[in-house]
């Protein structure tokens, strides 16, 4: 790794990866050892001798071939399945040559047979690579949307996005996991875990927290514009300089350039007024269906429309990079939460559904 690489999000193993000539991430043996230390693969007291032997062999030589007999000898079904999934991921990355090539290949192949957690950890490392020279806290926080499920809430006209796992754990256990759950059941008072909306006053604290337990405790304000009512019935709409959506657009631009090698410009939009609307894609399952229904002229209930967090307009910097029949036309992107207020962004949609030129 270069000396300029930030020491952040080390749980994803970014600091244990190396760059190839294209700038994509290649695994090292220590990267695979980090995977073997994760709770899904680490040894426990109940681990059988065969599991212990397999685990030790992989720690010694993480890329060694594992025979069906070695895997089948692991008695615990969950442990056996977890090791099988790990080996599937490892072999795919080794065959593809990089995390990026393997990740893109998973979706081109159709049905994904890896746990979402595995894919999210890959995306986390790739995003860390994209932002290696980035010092803006809003961009880093917006990047979390690519690999961490969010819980979105609208309060007083503000659209706030917080880490779903952290917020749910705080709600259930006071942020102290199983211990906190037991304490709450016993009527104990738990220490306060601070959840903050990212702002100018705490941006440095967020950046410093990215290696610690509080790295996902900051809420991103995704309000793109605010409206002020003026005398005489006038309404003043102002675009916010520090919009989480603008920061997210910046991350998505880098994502497209990194994978596809094309430059695009993405900007948030309040609405689409385009009689020649030709192409769209959702950045999540909810917005995909919503945009499809709108495009096809189907009636969309007000409650579904209110789940739409934002629209984006994407333009290719070089029109020749997109399909000739769409050259110069914008691509509209959607971002929406589901009925429960949850958002799971799917960055792979930008790799699969952009109208690229066949020569790109």
Protein backbone atom coordinates (compact mmCIF):
# COMPACT_ATOMS: atom_id res chain seq x y z
CA UNK A 1 0.00 0.00 0.00
CA UNK A 2 1.25 3.55 -0.68
CA UNK A 3 2.18 5.65 2.34
CA UNK A 4 -0.58 8.13 1.49
CA UNK A 5 -3.32 5.53 1.96
CA UNK A 6 -5.58 6.46 4.87
CA UNK A 7 -5.76 4.11 7.82
CA UNK A 8 -9.55 3.87 7.79
CA UNK A 9 -12.18 1.18 7.75
CA UNK A 10 -9.55 -1.46 8.44
CA UNK A 11 -12.28 -4.00 9.21
CA UNK A 12 -12.72 -4.45 5.43
CA UNK A 13 -9.02 -5.23 4.94
CA UNK A 14 -8.23 -2.28 2.69
CA UNK A 15 -4.84 -1.86 4.34
CA UNK A 16 -4.02 -5.48 3.44
CA UNK A 17 -4.65 -5.08 -0.30
CA UNK A 18 -2.27 -3.90 -3.02
CA UNK A 19 -2.87 -2.00 -6.24
CA UNK A 20 -2.34 -3.45 -9.69
CA UNK A 21 -1.35 -1.39 -12.74
CA UNK A 22 -4.98 -0.38 -13.30
CA UNK A 23 -5.39 0.80 -9.72
CA UNK A 24 -7.65 -2.10 -8.80
CA UNK A 25 -7.18 -4.06 -5.58
CA UNK A 26 -5.33 -7.38 -5.41
CA UNK A 27 -5.50 -9.59 -2.29
CA UNK A 28 -2.53 -10.55 -0.17
CA UNK A 29 -2.29 -13.58 2.10
CA UNK A 30 -2.90 -11.30 5.09
CA UNK A 31 -6.13 -10.10 3.50
CA UNK A 32 -7.44 -13.66 3.50
CA UNK A 33 -6.17 -14.17 7.05
CA UNK A 34 -8.32 -11.23 8.10
CA UNK A 35 -11.34 -13.01 6.64
CA UNK A 36 -10.45 -16.14 8.61
CA UNK A 37 -10.47 -14.09 11.80
CA UNK A 38 -14.03 -12.84 11.23
CA UNK A 39 -16.76 -14.20 13.55
CA UNK A 40 -18.23 -16.25 10.70
CA UNK A 41 -14.97 -18.21 10.27
CA UNK A 42 -13.02 -17.89 13.52
CA UNK A 43 -12.64 -20.96 15.71
CA UNK A 44 -14.85 -21.34 18.77
CA UNK A 45 -14.68 -23.65 21.74
CA UNK A 46 -17.00 -26.13 20.03
CA UNK A 47 -14.94 -26.32 16.82
CA UNK A 48 -14.20 -29.94 15.91
CA UNK A 49 -10.65 -31.22 15.20
CA UNK A 50 -11.26 -31.20 11.43
CA UNK A 51 -12.35 -27.55 11.50
CA UNK A 52 -9.35 -26.62 13.62
CA UNK A 53 -6.99 -28.43 11.26
CA UNK A 54 -8.52 -26.77 8.19
CA UNK A 55 -8.42 -23.36 9.82
CA UNK A 56 -4.76 -23.75 10.79
CA UNK A 57 -3.82 -24.90 7.29
CA UNK A 58 -5.54 -21.89 5.73
CA UNK A 59 -3.92 -19.49 8.17
CA UNK A 60 -0.53 -20.92 7.22
CA UNK A 61 -1.25 -20.82 3.46
CA UNK A 62 -4.48 -18.91 2.75
CA UNK A 63 -4.56 -19.68 -0.98
CA UNK A 64 -4.07 -23.43 -0.68
CA UNK A 65 -6.54 -25.72 -2.41
CA UNK A 66 -9.09 -27.30 -0.07
CA UNK A 67 -10.34 -30.75 -1.00
CA UNK A 68 -14.00 -31.78 -0.68
CA UNK A 69 -12.92 -34.34 1.91
CA UNK A 70 -11.27 -31.67 4.10
CA UNK A 71 -14.36 -29.48 3.92
CA UNK A 72 -16.77 -32.37 4.41
CA UNK A 73 -14.97 -33.46 7.57
CA UNK A 74 -16.09 -30.29 9.38
CA UNK A 75 -18.90 -31.53 11.59
CA UNK A 76 -20.82 -28.33 12.24
CA UNK A 77 -23.05 -27.56 9.25
CA UNK A 78 -22.89 -23.78 9.70
CA UNK A 79 -19.11 -23.77 10.02
CA UNK A 80 -18.84 -26.00 6.96
CA UNK A 81 -21.14 -23.71 4.94
CA UNK A 82 -19.27 -20.58 6.03
CA UNK A 83 -15.93 -22.04 4.99
CA UNK A 84 -17.43 -23.12 1.67
CA UNK A 85 -18.68 -19.58 0.99
CA UNK A 86 -15.32 -18.11 1.96
CA UNK A 87 -13.54 -20.45 -0.43
CA UNK A 88 -15.99 -19.53 -3.19
CA UNK A 89 -15.20 -15.85 -2.66
CA UNK A 90 -11.45 -16.43 -2.38
CA UNK A 91 -11.27 -18.53 -5.53
CA UNK A 92 -13.37 -16.06 -7.52
CA UNK A 93 -11.14 -13.14 -6.54
CA UNK A 94 -7.96 -15.09 -7.25
CA UNK A 95 -9.26 -16.18 -10.65
CA UNK A 96 -10.44 -12.67 -11.57
CA UNK A 97 -7.23 -11.08 -10.32
CA UNK A 98 -8.76 -8.25 -8.29
CA UNK A 99 -11.67 -7.39 -6.03
CA UNK A 100 -13.19 -5.15 -8.69
CA UNK A 101 -13.05 -7.75 -11.45
CA UNK A 102 -14.54 -10.40 -9.19
CA UNK A 103 -17.28 -8.08 -7.92
CA UNK A 104 -18.37 -7.06 -11.40
CA UNK A 105 -18.21 -10.68 -12.53
CA UNK A 106 -20.58 -11.84 -9.80
CA UNK A 107 -23.38 -9.71 -11.24
CA UNK A 108 -22.67 -10.43 -14.89
CA UNK A 109 -22.98 -14.12 -14.07
CA UNK A 110 -26.57 -13.69 -12.88
CA UNK A 111 -27.67 -15.15 -9.57
CA UNK A 112 -25.37 -14.18 -6.69
CA UNK A 113 -24.47 -17.07 -4.41
CA UNK A 114 -22.56 -15.10 -1.81
CA UNK A 115 -23.91 -13.51 1.38
CA UNK A 116 -24.65 -9.76 1.14
CA UNK A 117 -22.11 -9.22 3.94
CA UNK A 118 -19.31 -10.58 1.74
CA UNK A 119 -20.25 -8.24 -1.10
CA UNK A 120 -20.58 -5.26 1.25
CA UNK A 121 -17.08 -5.84 2.62
CA UNK A 122 -15.72 -5.92 -0.92
CA UNK A 123 -17.51 -2.67 -1.76
CA UNK A 124 -16.23 -1.09 1.45
CA UNK A 125 -12.63 -1.81 0.45
CA UNK A 126 -13.21 -0.57 -3.11
CA UNK A 127 -14.81 2.64 -1.85
CA UNK A 128 -11.87 3.19 0.49
CA UNK A 129 -9.64 2.94 -2.56
CA UNK A 130 -11.76 5.50 -4.44
CA UNK A 131 -11.50 7.99 -1.59
CA UNK A 132 -7.84 7.46 -0.72
CA UNK A 133 -7.02 11.15 -1.25
CA UNK A 134 -10.37 12.55 -0.07
CA UNK A 135 -10.52 14.82 2.99
CA UNK A 136 -14.20 15.77 2.90
CA UNK A 137 -16.21 14.22 5.73
CA UNK A 138 -19.50 14.43 3.81
CA UNK A 139 -18.08 12.43 0.91
CA UNK A 140 -16.79 9.73 3.27
CA UNK A 141 -20.11 9.56 5.11
CA UNK A 142 -22.10 9.45 1.87
CA UNK A 143 -19.88 6.59 0.69
CA UNK A 144 -21.20 4.47 3.56
CA UNK A 145 -24.50 4.23 1.66
CA UNK A 146 -22.81 1.97 -0.88
CA UNK A 147 -22.22 -0.81 1.65
CA UNK A 148 -24.22 -0.07 4.82
CA UNK A 149 -28.01 -0.27 4.99
CA UNK A 150 -29.54 3.03 6.08
CA UNK A 151 -32.62 3.97 8.08
CA UNK A 152 -34.12 7.16 6.65
CA UNK A 153 -36.38 9.56 8.52
CA UNK A 154 -37.99 12.82 7.46
CA UNK A 155 -38.07 15.40 10.26
CA UNK A 156 -39.25 18.99 9.82
CA UNK A 157 -38.55 18.80 6.11
CA UNK A 158 -35.06 17.33 6.57
CA UNK A 159 -34.18 13.92 5.15
CA UNK A 160 -31.84 12.20 7.62
CA UNK A 161 -30.00 8.95 6.89
CA UNK A 162 -28.51 6.92 9.73
CA UNK A 163 -26.82 3.54 9.86
CA UNK A 164 -29.63 1.00 10.27
CA UNK A 165 -27.61 -1.53 12.25
CA UNK A 166 -26.38 1.08 14.73
CA UNK A 167 -29.79 2.70 15.17
CA UNK A 168 -31.55 -0.63 15.60
CA UNK A 169 -28.96 -1.80 18.12
CA UNK A 170 -29.31 1.42 20.08
CA UNK A 171 -33.05 1.02 20.12
CA UNK A 172 -32.86 -2.58 21.31
CA UNK A 173 -29.77 -2.71 23.52
CA UNK A 174 -28.55 0.81 24.21
CA UNK A 175 -25.62 0.15 21.89
CA UNK A 176 -24.13 -2.57 24.09
CA UNK A 177 -25.16 -5.68 22.15
CA UNK A 178 -26.29 -8.76 24.05
CA UNK A 179 -24.94 -7.36 27.31
CA UNK A 180 -27.06 -4.26 26.90
CA UNK A 181 -30.12 -6.37 26.12
CA UNK A 182 -29.68 -8.28 29.38
CA UNK A 183 -29.15 -5.06 31.34
CA UNK A 184 -32.27 -3.50 29.86
CA UNK A 185 -34.26 -6.60 30.76
CA UNK A 186 -32.97 -6.17 34.32
CA UNK A 187 -34.07 -2.54 34.43
CA UNK A 188 -30.56 -1.08 34.34
CA UNK A 189 -29.78 2.39 33.02
CA UNK A 190 -27.30 2.28 30.14
CA UNK A 191 -24.76 4.94 29.22
CA UNK A 192 -25.82 7.31 26.46
CA UNK A 193 -24.39 6.58 23.01
CA UNK A 194 -24.28 9.80 21.03
CA UNK A 195 -25.74 9.91 17.54
CA UNK A 196 -24.86 13.11 15.70
CA UNK A 197 -25.92 14.72 12.47
CA UNK A 198 -22.76 15.37 10.49
CA UNK A 199 -22.00 19.09 10.43
CA UNK A 200 -19.23 21.63 10.36
CA UNK A 201 -18.84 21.39 14.14
CA UNK A 202 -18.19 17.63 14.20
CA UNK A 203 -16.72 16.81 10.77
CA UNK A 204 -13.23 16.37 12.21
CA UNK A 205 -14.61 14.08 14.91
CA UNK A 206 -16.31 11.96 12.26
CA UNK A 207 -13.10 11.64 10.26
CA UNK A 208 -11.22 10.62 13.40
CA UNK A 209 -13.89 8.05 14.29
CA UNK A 210 -13.61 5.99 11.11
CA UNK A 211 -11.22 3.49 12.72
CA UNK A 212 -13.15 3.16 15.98
CA UNK A 213 -16.37 1.77 17.36
CA UNK A 214 -18.21 5.02 16.61
CA UNK A 215 -17.50 5.08 12.91
CA UNK A 216 -21.14 4.57 11.92
CA UNK A 217 -22.71 6.82 14.57
CA UNK A 218 -23.08 9.89 12.36
CA UNK A 219 -26.28 10.77 10.52
CA UNK A 220 -26.11 12.20 7.00
CA UNK A 221 -28.44 15.06 6.12
CA UNK A 222 -29.72 14.24 2.63
CA UNK A 223 -31.83 17.38 2.32
CA UNK A 224 -30.86 18.89 -0.99
CA UNK A 225 -32.90 22.08 -0.90
CA UNK A 226 -34.74 24.10 1.74
CA UNK A 227 -37.71 26.37 1.23
CA UNK A 228 -38.33 29.63 3.06
CA UNK A 229 -41.73 31.28 3.00
CA UNK A 230 -41.46 35.00 2.25
CA UNK A 231 -44.02 37.81 2.52
CA UNK A 232 -46.64 38.24 -0.20
CA UNK A 233 -46.92 34.47 -0.70
CA UNK A 234 -43.46 34.04 -2.19
CA UNK A 235 -41.36 30.92 -1.61
CA UNK A 236 -37.57 30.98 -1.79
CA UNK A 237 -35.92 27.64 -2.57
CA UNK A 238 -32.23 27.40 -1.75
CA UNK A 239 -29.90 24.53 -2.59
CA UNK A 240 -27.86 23.50 0.44
CA UNK A 241 -24.11 23.85 0.05
CA UNK A 242 -23.52 20.84 2.30
CA UNK A 243 -25.92 18.28 0.87
CA UNK A 244 -25.41 14.58 1.52
CA UNK A 245 -26.90 13.97 -1.90
CA UNK A 246 -24.22 16.09 -3.61
CA UNK A 247 -21.59 14.14 -1.72
CA UNK A 248 -23.20 10.86 -2.77
CA UNK A 249 -23.25 12.00 -6.39
CA UNK A 250 -19.51 12.63 -6.17
CA UNK A 251 -18.92 9.09 -4.89
CA UNK A 252 -21.06 7.58 -7.64
CA UNK A 253 -19.14 9.54 -10.30
CA UNK A 254 -15.91 8.02 -9.04
CA UNK A 255 -17.48 4.56 -8.86
CA UNK A 256 -18.44 4.71 -12.55
CA UNK A 257 -15.06 6.03 -13.64
CA UNK A 258 -13.18 3.43 -11.57
CA UNK A 259 -15.08 0.44 -12.96
CA UNK A 260 -16.11 1.52 -16.44
CA UNK A 261 -13.38 4.00 -17.35
CA UNK A 262 -15.86 6.69 -18.42
CA UNK A 263 -16.36 10.14 -16.93
CA UNK A 264 -19.88 11.11 -15.91
CA UNK A 265 -21.41 14.06 -14.08
CA UNK A 266 -24.18 13.32 -11.59
CA UNK A 267 -26.32 15.95 -9.88
CA UNK A 268 -29.35 15.71 -7.61
CA UNK A 269 -32.69 16.80 -9.07
CA UNK A 270 -35.92 17.68 -7.30
CA UNK A 271 -38.07 16.35 -10.16
CA UNK A 272 -37.95 15.17 -13.76
CA UNK A 273 -39.68 17.39 -16.32
CA UNK A 274 -38.47 15.78 -19.50
CA UNK A 275 -40.84 14.92 -22.32
CA UNK A 276 -38.04 12.97 -24.00
CA UNK A 277 -37.15 10.87 -20.94
CA UNK A 278 -35.38 7.91 -22.50
CA UNK A 279 -33.34 6.06 -19.86
CA UNK A 280 -33.42 5.57 -16.12
CA UNK A 281 -32.18 3.21 -13.45
CA UNK A 282 -32.86 2.80 -9.76
CA UNK A 283 -30.05 2.81 -7.25
CA UNK A 284 -32.07 0.42 -5.08
CA UNK A 285 -34.95 -2.04 -5.46
CA UNK A 286 -37.65 0.43 -4.37
CA UNK A 287 -36.67 3.24 -6.76
CA UNK A 288 -36.18 0.78 -9.62
CA UNK A 289 -39.81 -0.29 -9.48
CA UNK A 290 -41.01 3.25 -8.83
CA UNK A 291 -39.20 4.70 -11.85
CA UNK A 292 -40.37 1.83 -14.02
CA UNK A 293 -43.99 2.51 -13.06
CA UNK A 294 -43.64 6.25 -13.68
CA UNK A 295 -41.95 5.69 -17.03
CA UNK A 296 -44.67 3.30 -18.14
CA UNK A 297 -47.40 5.72 -17.08
CA UNK A 298 -48.74 3.63 -14.22
CA UNK A 299 -50.44 5.40 -11.36
CA UNK A 300 -48.14 5.74 -8.34
CA UNK A 301 -49.71 6.36 -4.95
CA UNK A 302 -48.72 9.40 -2.93
CA UNK A 303 -47.32 7.18 -0.17
CA UNK A 304 -44.94 5.52 -2.66
CA UNK A 305 -43.90 8.87 -4.12
CA UNK A 306 -43.03 10.08 -0.63
CA UNK A 307 -40.52 7.24 -0.29
CA UNK A 308 -38.44 8.79 -3.08
CA UNK A 309 -35.44 10.40 -1.41
CA UNK A 310 -33.99 11.95 -4.54
CA UNK A 311 -33.64 11.86 -8.28
CA UNK A 312 -30.32 12.39 -10.03
CA UNK A 313 -29.40 13.43 -13.54
CA UNK A 314 -26.38 11.63 -15.02
CA UNK A 315 -24.64 12.88 -18.15
CA UNK A 316 -21.67 11.37 -19.94
CA UNK A 317 -18.86 13.91 -20.23
CA UNK A 318 -18.10 12.40 -23.63
CA UNK A 319 -21.40 11.64 -25.45
CA UNK A 320 -19.54 9.04 -27.55
CA UNK A 321 -19.28 6.87 -24.42
CA UNK A 322 -23.02 6.16 -24.49
CA UNK A 323 -25.22 4.38 -26.96
CA UNK A 324 -25.45 6.27 -30.23
CA UNK A 325 -29.27 6.37 -30.20
CA UNK A 326 -29.18 8.03 -26.76
CA UNK A 327 -26.21 10.33 -27.31
CA UNK A 328 -26.62 13.59 -25.41
CA UNK A 329 -29.67 12.39 -23.47
CA UNK A 330 -29.56 12.38 -19.67
CA UNK A 331 -29.86 9.23 -17.61
CA UNK A 332 -32.12 9.58 -14.58
CA UNK A 333 -31.29 7.82 -11.35
CA UNK A 334 -33.58 7.23 -8.39
CA UNK A 335 -32.96 6.71 -4.68
CA UNK A 336 -35.80 5.56 -2.42
CA UNK A 337 -36.52 3.95 0.93
CA UNK A 338 -38.97 1.12 1.46
CA UNK A 339 -42.12 1.13 3.59
CA UNK A 340 -40.06 0.58 6.73
CA UNK A 341 -37.84 3.57 5.99
CA UNK A 342 -34.88 1.38 5.02
CA UNK A 343 -32.52 2.09 2.13
CA UNK A 344 -30.11 -0.46 0.66
CA UNK A 345 -28.25 1.11 -2.22
CA UNK A 346 -27.10 -1.24 -4.99
CA UNK A 347 -24.00 0.27 -6.59
CA UNK A 348 -23.83 -2.65 -9.02
CA UNK A 349 -26.82 -1.17 -10.86
CA UNK A 350 -24.53 1.52 -12.25
CA UNK A 351 -22.26 -1.18 -13.68
CA UNK A 352 -25.04 -3.20 -15.25
CA UNK A 353 -27.62 -0.71 -16.52
CA UNK A 354 -25.90 2.33 -17.97
CA UNK A 355 -26.41 2.72 -21.75
CA UNK A 356 -22.78 2.36 -22.72
CA UNK A 357 -21.46 2.51 -26.25
CA UNK A 358 -20.38 -0.87 -27.56
CA UNK A 359 -16.92 0.60 -28.11
CA UNK A 360 -16.54 1.75 -24.50
